[in-house]
Amino acid sequence: MAFFDLSLDQLQTYKPPRNEPDDFDAFWRDFDGVNFATRANASALFSTALMDTTCPPSTVFAAYNYYAGPKQIMVYEFNQHDGGGIHQFVQKLEFLHALWQ
């Protein structure tokens, strides 16, 4: 089906067919970035929000503790998945600026 054959209403609600394996969710449930942390060597800026239920802080701290390269971490005590918001954006800019000095 070509997209130009669809009406605007059909385009707005179009969902392509997905071919996911039966165990797709099980695969991603076991995926954890900490498994790659020991191989990393680039400078990294981590951040975590202690009220985050999407990416639990324990997983961020695990990745941070195993990270082999130079690292910094920002902890936002009362934030959720939005992390530090604009404050984190400023931290990212300062982090990148320091790398390019």
N, C-alpha and C. Protein backbone atom coordinates (compact mmCIF):
# COMPACT_ATOMS: atom_id res chain seq x y z
N MET A 1 0.84 -1.17 0.00
CA MET A 1 0.00 0.00 0.00
C MET A 1 0.89 1.24 0.00
N ALA A 2 0.69 2.11 -0.93
CA ALA A 2 1.45 3.35 -1.00
C ALA A 2 0.80 4.40 -0.10
N PHE A 3 1.64 5.19 0.57
CA PHE A 3 1.10 6.20 1.47
C PHE A 3 0.25 7.23 0.75
N PHE A 4 0.56 7.53 -0.50
CA PHE A 4 -0.19 8.56 -1.22
C PHE A 4 -1.58 8.07 -1.63
N ASP A 5 -1.88 6.79 -1.41
CA ASP A 5 -3.21 6.25 -1.69
C ASP A 5 -4.14 6.40 -0.49
N LEU A 6 -3.61 6.84 0.64
CA LEU A 6 -4.41 6.95 1.85
C LEU A 6 -4.94 8.36 2.03
N SER A 7 -6.11 8.46 2.63
CA SER A 7 -6.66 9.78 2.95
C SER A 7 -5.92 10.32 4.17
N LEU A 8 -6.12 11.59 4.47
CA LEU A 8 -5.46 12.20 5.63
C LEU A 8 -5.87 11.49 6.92
N ASP A 9 -7.17 11.17 7.05
CA ASP A 9 -7.63 10.46 8.24
C ASP A 9 -6.96 9.10 8.37
N GLN A 10 -6.80 8.40 7.26
CA GLN A 10 -6.14 7.10 7.30
C GLN A 10 -4.67 7.22 7.65
N LEU A 11 -4.01 8.26 7.13
CA LEU A 11 -2.60 8.47 7.44
C LEU A 11 -2.39 8.76 8.92
N GLN A 12 -3.30 9.52 9.52
CA GLN A 12 -3.17 9.88 10.92
C GLN A 12 -3.30 8.69 11.85
N THR A 13 -4.01 7.67 11.43
CA THR A 13 -4.22 6.50 12.28
C THR A 13 -3.49 5.25 11.77
N TYR A 14 -2.68 5.41 10.73
CA TYR A 14 -1.99 4.27 10.12
C TYR A 14 -1.00 3.63 11.09
N LYS A 15 -1.08 2.34 11.21
CA LYS A 15 -0.11 1.58 12.02
C LYS A 15 0.40 0.44 11.16
N PRO A 16 1.67 0.48 10.81
CA PRO A 16 2.21 -0.60 9.97
C PRO A 16 2.20 -1.92 10.73
N PRO A 17 2.13 -3.02 10.02
CA PRO A 17 2.17 -4.32 10.70
C PRO A 17 3.53 -4.52 11.37
N ARG A 18 3.50 -5.13 12.55
CA ARG A 18 4.74 -5.38 13.30
C ARG A 18 4.98 -6.87 13.35
N ASN A 19 6.17 -7.24 13.05
CA ASN A 19 6.56 -8.65 13.09
C ASN A 19 7.55 -8.87 14.22
N GLU A 20 7.04 -8.93 15.43
CA GLU A 20 7.89 -9.14 16.59
C GLU A 20 7.85 -10.60 17.01
N PRO A 21 8.96 -11.12 17.45
CA PRO A 21 8.94 -12.49 17.96
C PRO A 21 8.09 -12.57 19.23
N ASP A 22 7.63 -13.74 19.55
CA ASP A 22 6.80 -13.94 20.74
C ASP A 22 7.50 -13.52 22.02
N ASP A 23 8.80 -13.69 22.07
CA ASP A 23 9.54 -13.38 23.29
C ASP A 23 10.17 -11.98 23.26
N PHE A 24 9.64 -11.08 22.46
CA PHE A 24 10.20 -9.74 22.31
C PHE A 24 10.31 -9.02 23.66
N ASP A 25 9.24 -9.01 24.44
CA ASP A 25 9.26 -8.33 25.74
C ASP A 25 10.24 -8.99 26.70
N ALA A 26 10.30 -10.29 26.67
CA ALA A 26 11.23 -11.00 27.55
C ALA A 26 12.67 -10.66 27.21
N PHE A 27 12.97 -10.49 25.92
CA PHE A 27 14.33 -10.13 25.50
C PHE A 27 14.73 -8.78 26.09
N TRP A 28 13.88 -7.78 25.96
CA TRP A 28 14.22 -6.43 26.43
C TRP A 28 14.18 -6.32 27.94
N ARG A 29 13.42 -7.16 28.61
CA ARG A 29 13.38 -7.11 30.07
C ARG A 29 14.75 -7.46 30.64
N ASP A 30 15.49 -8.32 29.95
CA ASP A 30 16.80 -8.75 30.43
C ASP A 30 17.95 -7.89 29.91
N PHE A 31 17.66 -6.90 29.11
CA PHE A 31 18.70 -6.04 28.54
C PHE A 31 19.10 -5.00 29.56
N ASP A 32 20.36 -4.86 29.83
CA ASP A 32 20.82 -3.89 30.81
C ASP A 32 22.15 -3.30 30.33
N GLY A 33 22.21 -2.00 30.26
CA GLY A 33 23.39 -1.30 29.78
C GLY A 33 24.63 -1.55 30.61
N VAL A 34 24.46 -2.00 31.85
CA VAL A 34 25.62 -2.24 32.69
C VAL A 34 26.54 -3.31 32.07
N ASN A 35 25.97 -4.17 31.25
CA ASN A 35 26.78 -5.21 30.62
C ASN A 35 27.80 -4.66 29.64
N PHE A 36 27.60 -3.46 29.16
CA PHE A 36 28.53 -2.85 28.22
C PHE A 36 29.44 -1.82 28.88
N ALA A 37 29.16 -1.49 30.11
CA ALA A 37 29.87 -0.40 30.79
C ALA A 37 31.36 -0.67 30.97
N THR A 38 31.73 -1.90 31.19
CA THR A 38 33.15 -2.20 31.44
C THR A 38 34.00 -2.02 30.19
N ARG A 39 33.39 -1.97 29.02
CA ARG A 39 34.15 -1.79 27.77
C ARG A 39 34.28 -0.33 27.36
N ALA A 40 33.53 0.55 27.98
CA ALA A 40 33.49 1.96 27.57
C ALA A 40 34.75 2.69 28.03
N ASN A 41 35.17 3.65 27.21
CA ASN A 41 36.34 4.45 27.62
C ASN A 41 36.17 5.93 27.32
N ALA A 42 35.04 6.34 26.77
CA ALA A 42 34.79 7.76 26.49
C ALA A 42 34.30 8.45 27.75
N SER A 43 34.53 9.75 27.85
CA SER A 43 33.99 10.52 28.96
C SER A 43 32.47 10.46 28.92
N ALA A 44 31.86 10.33 30.09
CA ALA A 44 30.40 10.17 30.14
C ALA A 44 29.80 11.01 31.25
N LEU A 45 28.62 11.52 30.97
CA LEU A 45 27.83 12.24 31.96
C LEU A 45 26.57 11.43 32.19
N PHE A 46 26.45 10.87 33.38
CA PHE A 46 25.26 10.10 33.76
C PHE A 46 24.33 11.01 34.54
N SER A 47 23.06 10.68 34.50
CA SER A 47 22.10 11.36 35.37
C SER A 47 21.02 10.37 35.75
N THR A 48 20.47 10.58 36.93
CA THR A 48 19.37 9.74 37.38
C THR A 48 18.45 10.57 38.27
N ALA A 49 17.19 10.22 38.24
CA ALA A 49 16.20 10.85 39.09
C ALA A 49 15.71 9.78 40.06
N LEU A 50 15.73 10.08 41.33
CA LEU A 50 15.45 9.06 42.33
C LEU A 50 13.99 8.62 42.38
N MET A 51 13.10 9.37 41.75
CA MET A 51 11.68 9.00 41.70
C MET A 51 11.31 8.37 40.36
N ASP A 52 12.29 8.06 39.53
CA ASP A 52 12.05 7.53 38.19
C ASP A 52 11.65 6.06 38.27
N THR A 53 10.46 5.75 37.77
CA THR A 53 10.00 4.36 37.76
C THR A 53 10.23 3.72 36.39
N THR A 54 10.59 4.51 35.37
CA THR A 54 10.85 3.98 34.03
C THR A 54 12.26 3.41 33.96
N CYS A 55 13.24 4.19 34.40
CA CYS A 55 14.64 3.76 34.47
C CYS A 55 15.05 3.85 35.94
N PRO A 56 14.85 2.81 36.71
CA PRO A 56 15.14 2.87 38.14
C PRO A 56 16.58 3.32 38.42
N PRO A 57 16.75 4.18 39.42
CA PRO A 57 18.08 4.68 39.75
C PRO A 57 19.09 3.58 40.01
N SER A 58 18.66 2.46 40.53
CA SER A 58 19.60 1.37 40.81
C SER A 58 20.30 0.90 39.53
N THR A 59 19.59 0.92 38.41
CA THR A 59 20.22 0.49 37.16
C THR A 59 21.21 1.53 36.66
N VAL A 60 20.91 2.80 36.87
CA VAL A 60 21.83 3.87 36.46
C VAL A 60 23.09 3.81 37.32
N PHE A 61 22.91 3.64 38.64
CA PHE A 61 24.08 3.55 39.52
C PHE A 61 24.92 2.32 39.20
N ALA A 62 24.29 1.22 38.82
CA ALA A 62 25.04 0.02 38.44
C ALA A 62 25.89 0.29 37.21
N ALA A 63 25.29 0.90 36.19
CA ALA A 63 26.05 1.23 34.98
C ALA A 63 27.17 2.21 35.30
N TYR A 64 26.89 3.22 36.13
CA TYR A 64 27.89 4.21 36.51
C TYR A 64 29.06 3.54 37.24
N ASN A 65 28.75 2.68 38.18
CA ASN A 65 29.81 2.04 38.97
C ASN A 65 30.69 1.12 38.15
N TYR A 66 30.14 0.52 37.11
CA TYR A 66 30.92 -0.37 36.25
C TYR A 66 31.57 0.36 35.08
N TYR A 67 31.19 1.60 34.84
CA TYR A 67 31.69 2.33 33.68
C TYR A 67 33.20 2.50 33.80
N ALA A 68 33.92 2.13 32.76
CA ALA A 68 35.38 2.11 32.81
C ALA A 68 36.02 3.45 32.48
N GLY A 69 35.33 4.31 31.76
CA GLY A 69 35.91 5.58 31.35
C GLY A 69 35.72 6.67 32.39
N PRO A 70 36.24 7.87 32.09
CA PRO A 70 36.01 9.01 32.97
C PRO A 70 34.51 9.30 33.05
N LYS A 71 34.02 9.63 34.23
CA LYS A 71 32.57 9.76 34.38
C LYS A 71 32.18 10.78 35.43
N GLN A 72 30.98 11.29 35.28
CA GLN A 72 30.35 12.18 36.25
C GLN A 72 28.90 11.72 36.37
N ILE A 73 28.28 12.01 37.50
CA ILE A 73 26.86 11.68 37.64
C ILE A 73 26.13 12.82 38.32
N MET A 74 24.95 13.10 37.82
CA MET A 74 24.06 14.10 38.40
C MET A 74 22.87 13.34 38.97
N VAL A 75 22.53 13.61 40.23
CA VAL A 75 21.42 12.92 40.88
C VAL A 75 20.36 13.96 41.22
N TYR A 76 19.16 13.71 40.75
CA TYR A 76 18.01 14.58 41.00
C TYR A 76 17.08 13.86 41.96
N GLU A 77 17.07 14.31 43.22
CA GLU A 77 16.39 13.59 44.29
C GLU A 77 14.87 13.51 44.13
N PHE A 78 14.25 14.55 43.64
CA PHE A 78 12.79 14.59 43.66
C PHE A 78 12.17 14.53 42.27
N ASN A 79 12.96 14.25 41.26
CA ASN A 79 12.45 14.22 39.89
C ASN A 79 12.07 12.80 39.49
N GLN A 80 11.27 12.74 38.42
CA GLN A 80 10.87 11.45 37.87
C GLN A 80 11.64 11.23 36.58
N HIS A 81 11.02 10.63 35.58
CA HIS A 81 11.73 10.26 34.35
C HIS A 81 12.22 11.48 33.56
N ASP A 82 11.67 12.65 33.85
CA ASP A 82 12.14 13.86 33.17
C ASP A 82 13.54 14.24 33.61
N GLY A 83 14.04 13.61 34.65
CA GLY A 83 15.39 13.88 35.13
C GLY A 83 15.54 15.31 35.62
N GLY A 84 16.62 15.93 35.23
CA GLY A 84 16.90 17.28 35.69
C GLY A 84 16.31 18.37 34.82
N GLY A 85 15.61 18.00 33.76
CA GLY A 85 14.98 19.00 32.90
C GLY A 85 15.99 20.00 32.36
N ILE A 86 15.68 21.27 32.50
CA ILE A 86 16.55 22.33 31.97
C ILE A 86 17.88 22.36 32.70
N HIS A 87 17.89 21.97 33.98
CA HIS A 87 19.15 21.94 34.73
C HIS A 87 20.10 20.89 34.13
N GLN A 88 19.56 19.76 33.74
CA GLN A 88 20.38 18.72 33.11
C GLN A 88 20.86 19.18 31.75
N PHE A 89 20.03 19.92 31.03
CA PHE A 89 20.44 20.45 29.72
C PHE A 89 21.66 21.35 29.88
N VAL A 90 21.65 22.21 30.89
CA VAL A 90 22.79 23.09 31.14
C VAL A 90 24.01 22.26 31.51
N GLN A 91 23.83 21.23 32.33
CA GLN A 91 24.94 20.35 32.69
C GLN A 91 25.55 19.68 31.46
N LYS A 92 24.68 19.25 30.55
CA LYS A 92 25.17 18.62 29.32
C LYS A 92 25.99 19.59 28.49
N LEU A 93 25.52 20.82 28.38
CA LEU A 93 26.27 21.83 27.62
C LEU A 93 27.63 22.09 28.26
N GLU A 94 27.66 22.20 29.57
CA GLU A 94 28.93 22.44 30.27
C GLU A 94 29.87 21.24 30.12
N PHE A 95 29.31 20.04 30.17
CA PHE A 95 30.10 18.82 29.99
C PHE A 95 30.73 18.79 28.60
N LEU A 96 29.93 19.07 27.58
CA LEU A 96 30.44 19.09 26.20
C LEU A 96 31.46 20.20 26.00
N HIS A 97 31.21 21.35 26.59
CA HIS A 97 32.15 22.48 26.46
C HIS A 97 33.50 22.09 27.06
N ALA A 98 33.49 21.42 28.19
CA ALA A 98 34.75 20.99 28.83
C ALA A 98 35.49 19.97 27.95
N LEU A 99 34.75 19.12 27.25
CA LEU A 99 35.40 18.14 26.37
C LEU A 99 36.10 18.81 25.20
N TRP A 100 35.56 19.90 24.75
CA TRP A 100 36.10 20.58 23.55
C TRP A 100 37.14 21.63 23.88
N GLN A 101 37.52 21.76 25.14
CA GLN A 101 38.54 22.73 25.53
C GLN A 101 39.92 22.24 25.15
